[in-house]
Protein backbone atom coordinates (compact mmCIF):
# COMPACT_ATOMS: atom_id res chain seq x y z
CA MET A 1 -0.15 -0.41 0.20
CA PHE A 2 1.12 3.78 -0.63
CA ILE A 3 1.69 5.39 1.96
CA LYS A 4 2.29 9.23 1.41
CA ARG A 5 4.50 11.12 4.32
CA VAL A 6 3.73 14.81 4.97
CA CYS A 7 6.68 16.36 7.17
CA ILE A 8 5.17 19.24 9.23
CA ASN A 9 7.14 22.24 11.47
CA VAL A 10 4.96 22.59 14.93
CA PRO A 11 5.38 25.92 15.28
CA THR A 12 2.52 26.53 18.51
CA SER A 13 0.50 23.42 19.45
CA ILE A 14 0.64 19.90 18.81
CA ASP A 15 -2.93 19.36 18.14
CA THR A 16 -2.93 22.12 15.22
CA ILE A 17 -2.00 18.56 12.76
CA THR A 18 -5.35 16.79 13.69
CA ARG A 19 -6.97 19.62 11.64
CA LEU A 20 -5.14 19.02 8.77
CA PRO A 21 -7.86 18.71 5.47
CA PRO A 22 -7.64 15.08 3.90
CA GLN A 23 -6.45 15.67 0.71
CA ILE A 24 -4.31 13.14 0.05
CA GLY A 25 -6.39 9.98 -0.71
CA ALA A 26 -3.44 7.51 0.80
CA PRO A 27 -3.07 7.27 4.49
CA ILE A 28 -0.85 9.68 5.87
CA SER A 29 2.14 9.47 7.80
CA ILE A 30 3.07 12.33 9.57
CA VAL A 31 6.77 13.54 11.09
CA ILE A 32 6.53 16.36 13.64
CA VAL A 33 9.55 18.49 13.82
CA GLN A 34 9.19 20.92 16.59
CA GLY A 35 12.79 22.31 16.93
CA SER A 36 15.98 19.43 17.28
CA HIS A 37 12.98 17.00 18.68
CA LYS A 38 11.27 14.31 15.83
CA GLY A 39 8.39 11.49 16.24
CA THR A 40 5.87 9.92 14.84
CA LYS A 41 2.07 10.82 15.59
CA PRO A 42 -1.17 9.14 14.20
CA SER A 43 -3.47 11.57 12.93
CA ASN A 44 -6.32 10.10 14.51
CA PHE A 45 -4.48 11.28 18.14
CA PRO A 46 -7.15 12.30 20.54
CA PRO A 47 -6.24 16.67 21.22
CA ALA A 48 -3.93 17.32 24.39
CA GLY A 49 -7.19 19.13 26.08
CA VAL A 50 -9.62 15.84 25.84
CA VAL A 51 -6.50 13.80 27.44
CA SER A 52 -6.31 15.89 30.04
CA ILE A 53 -9.85 15.50 31.30
CA PHE A 54 -9.52 11.46 31.25
CA VAL A 55 -6.50 12.26 33.35
CA VAL A 56 -8.38 14.34 35.59
CA LEU A 57 -11.57 11.57 35.92
CA PHE A 58 -9.41 8.66 36.26
CA VAL A 59 -8.03 10.20 39.45
CA PHE A 60 -11.02 11.73 40.82
CA VAL A 61 -12.55 8.28 40.68
CA LEU A 62 -9.13 6.90 42.49
CA VAL A 63 -9.23 9.56 44.81
CA ALA A 64 -13.08 8.81 45.21
CA LEU A 65 -12.72 5.27 45.85
CA PHE A 66 -9.89 5.54 48.50
CA ALA A 67 -12.46 7.93 50.35
CA CYS A 68 -14.58 5.49 50.78
CA VAL A 69 -12.74 2.19 51.72
CA ALA A 70 -10.84 4.78 53.83
CA ALA A 71 -13.96 6.05 55.66
CA TRP A 72 -15.13 4.03 59.03
CA ASN A 73 -17.39 5.07 62.11
CA LEU A 74 -17.15 4.37 65.96
CA LYS A 75 -20.42 3.77 67.76
CA LEU A 76 -19.31 4.45 71.67
CA VAL A 77 -21.80 3.21 74.56
CA ASN A 78 -21.11 4.57 78.04
CA ASN A 79 -22.21 2.08 80.32
CA VAL A 80 -19.42 3.22 83.10
CA ALA A 81 -21.77 4.17 86.20
CA PRO A 82 -19.55 6.11 88.62
CA CYS A 83 -17.84 5.37 91.65
CA PRO A 84 -20.46 3.73 94.30
CA GLY A 85 -22.09 7.06 95.98
CA ARG A 86 -21.24 9.49 93.39
CA ASN A 87 -22.60 11.36 90.86
CA TYR A 88 -20.81 12.44 87.62
CA PRO A 89 -20.44 11.89 83.36
CA THR A 90 -18.70 9.03 83.60
CA LEU A 91 -16.44 9.56 80.55
CA LYS A 92 -14.48 12.08 78.62
CA LEU A 93 -13.67 11.56 75.07
CA PHE A 94 -10.75 13.02 73.27
CA TYR A 95 -10.65 13.83 69.69
CA SER A 96 -7.59 14.19 67.47
CA ASP A 97 -9.43 17.83 66.49
CA ASN A 98 -8.37 18.44 69.93
CA SER A 99 -12.05 18.86 71.45
CA GLN A 100 -13.37 16.86 74.24
CA GLN A 101 -17.16 15.16 75.09
CA ASN A 102 -18.20 14.47 78.49
CA LEU A 103 -20.78 11.24 78.28
CA ASP A 104 -23.07 9.94 80.90
CA GLU A 105 -23.80 6.26 81.78
CA GLY A 106 -26.50 5.34 79.21
CA GLN A 107 -25.18 8.09 76.42
CA SER A 108 -23.95 7.08 73.55
CA VAL A 109 -22.18 8.83 70.12
CA LEU A 110 -21.49 7.92 67.06
CA VAL A 111 -17.96 9.60 66.22
CA ASP A 112 -16.26 9.86 62.23
CA GLY A 113 -12.95 7.75 62.13
CA GLY A 114 -11.44 10.84 60.85
CA ARG A 115 -11.80 12.32 64.47
CA ILE A 116 -9.74 9.31 66.19
CA GLY A 117 -5.88 9.63 65.17
CA ALA A 118 -2.76 7.99 65.08
CA MET A 119 -2.40 7.77 69.11
CA GLY A 120 -5.89 6.34 69.14
CA LEU A 121 -9.60 8.13 70.62
CA GLY A 122 -8.59 9.17 74.24
CA ILE A 123 -10.88 8.16 76.90
CA GLN A 124 -10.94 9.68 80.04
CA GLU A 125 -12.88 8.11 83.65
CA ASN A 126 -14.13 10.86 85.33
CA GLY A 127 -13.71 9.79 89.30
CA MET A 128 -10.49 10.63 90.91
CA TYR A 129 -8.24 8.28 91.88
CA CYS A 130 -4.93 7.74 93.34
CA ARG A 131 -1.58 7.60 91.64
CA CYS A 132 0.28 3.73 92.35
CA CYS A 133 3.34 5.00 93.01
CA GLY A 134 2.62 8.62 95.60
CA ASN A 135 2.43 12.19 94.57
CA GLU A 136 4.50 13.20 91.46
CA GLY A 137 5.74 16.69 91.59
CA GLY A 138 3.75 19.10 89.42
CA CYS A 139 0.89 16.42 89.08
CA THR A 140 -2.56 16.32 90.37
CA ASN A 141 -2.91 13.56 92.98
CA PRO A 142 -5.96 12.14 92.89
CA ASP A 143 -6.10 12.52 89.74
CA ASN A 144 -8.61 11.37 86.52
CA ALA A 145 -7.93 7.90 85.19
CA GLY A 146 -6.85 7.91 81.48
CA MET A 147 -6.45 5.58 78.19
CA GLN A 148 -5.80 5.19 74.68
CA LEU A 149 -8.25 3.10 72.48
CA VAL A 150 -5.92 2.49 69.46
CA PHE A 151 -8.03 0.71 66.16
CA ASN A 152 -6.01 -1.33 63.03
CA GLN A 153 -8.36 0.04 60.37
CA GLY A 154 -10.14 -2.83 58.61
CA ASP A 155 -11.20 -4.83 61.26
CA CYS A 156 -12.88 -3.59 64.35
CA GLY A 157 -11.77 -6.33 67.12
CA SER A 158 -8.63 -5.58 66.55
CA ILE A 159 -8.09 -2.91 69.15
CA GLN A 160 -4.71 -2.00 71.31
CA LEU A 161 -5.29 0.01 74.64
CA ASN A 162 -2.91 1.85 75.66
CA ASN A 163 -0.99 3.76 78.97
CA PRO A 164 -2.33 7.82 79.41
CA PHE A 165 0.81 9.82 78.98
CA TYR A 166 -0.32 12.66 80.57
CA CYS A 167 1.47 14.50 84.05
CA GLY A 168 3.99 12.30 85.53
CA ALA A 169 5.69 8.59 85.03
CA HIS A 170 2.28 7.01 86.95
CA PRO A 171 -0.90 8.73 86.48
CA PRO A 172 -4.16 6.68 87.22
CA ASN A 173 -5.18 4.14 84.09
CA ALA A 174 -8.25 3.63 82.97
CA LYS A 175 -7.49 -0.18 82.12
CA ASP A 176 -7.69 -0.67 85.61
CA VAL A 177 -11.14 0.89 85.35
CA VAL A 178 -13.14 0.57 82.68
CA ASP A 179 -13.36 -2.56 80.11
CA VAL A 180 -14.09 -1.82 76.38
CA SER A 181 -15.90 -4.65 74.43
CA MET A 182 -15.81 -4.29 70.83
CA GLY A 183 -18.44 -5.52 68.38
CA GLY A 184 -20.24 -4.29 64.92
CA SER A 185 -17.99 -5.11 61.38
CA TRP A 186 -15.92 -2.58 59.44
CA PRO A 187 -16.96 -0.01 58.56
CA SER A 188 -19.74 0.44 61.53
CA CYS A 189 -18.01 -0.50 64.61
CA VAL A 190 -19.00 -0.31 68.38
CA ALA A 191 -17.46 0.23 71.57
CA THR A 192 -19.39 -0.73 74.29
CA LEU A 193 -17.58 0.47 77.83
CA THR A 194 -18.54 -0.91 81.30
CA ARG A 195 -16.94 -0.19 84.83
CA LYS A 196 -14.48 -3.57 86.04
CA GLY A 197 -15.68 -5.20 88.77
CA ASN A 198 -12.44 -4.77 90.60
CA ALA A 199 -12.06 -1.22 89.72
CA PRO A 200 -10.74 0.82 92.59
CA GLY A 201 -12.98 3.32 94.38
CA CYS A 202 -12.99 7.06 94.07
CA SER A 203 -11.11 8.95 96.71
CA SER A 204 -11.20 12.37 97.70
CA SER A 205 -7.58 12.28 98.79
CA CYS A 206 -4.44 9.82 98.36
């Protein structure tokens, strides 16, 4: 088959060649010459603008799919009773956006997983408990008990309870006060918190 070869100097946009009138009956092989660069471009190559649109759409779809996979939520149910003879909101939650929320016994809250950072969800039992090893300089004693609830994404049952890390080496530890029971299925998890049967009592002084 006879193929005519046309050499074109392209001063501006490469897509100008796609609008060449079909004045030659045979198929055309077009050689693009721009500066010192040469290459062969089929005459049916889509304009650069069309390619850009498809790239943007492809990236958008990938981002949307990733967001759907990564999104999750936690329903936290507070069944933690106050210390005997006391009346107070038993839990305080600490979120990664630095906001805090108190919960009374019997209350629940739905938490967007995006508000739970890599260090986990901060949980404080609001009773006052003595430090295990006596007073520590600059720290309150008795003090509230804390812990960090850390999630391994993809499995509601895969959690880790970490020690508190505020004020001193031995702050009261909520792991000694509160039990955590996990339920639900990813991405909708449920954490139910209750007071341990052998939890220490609250103290007014230590």
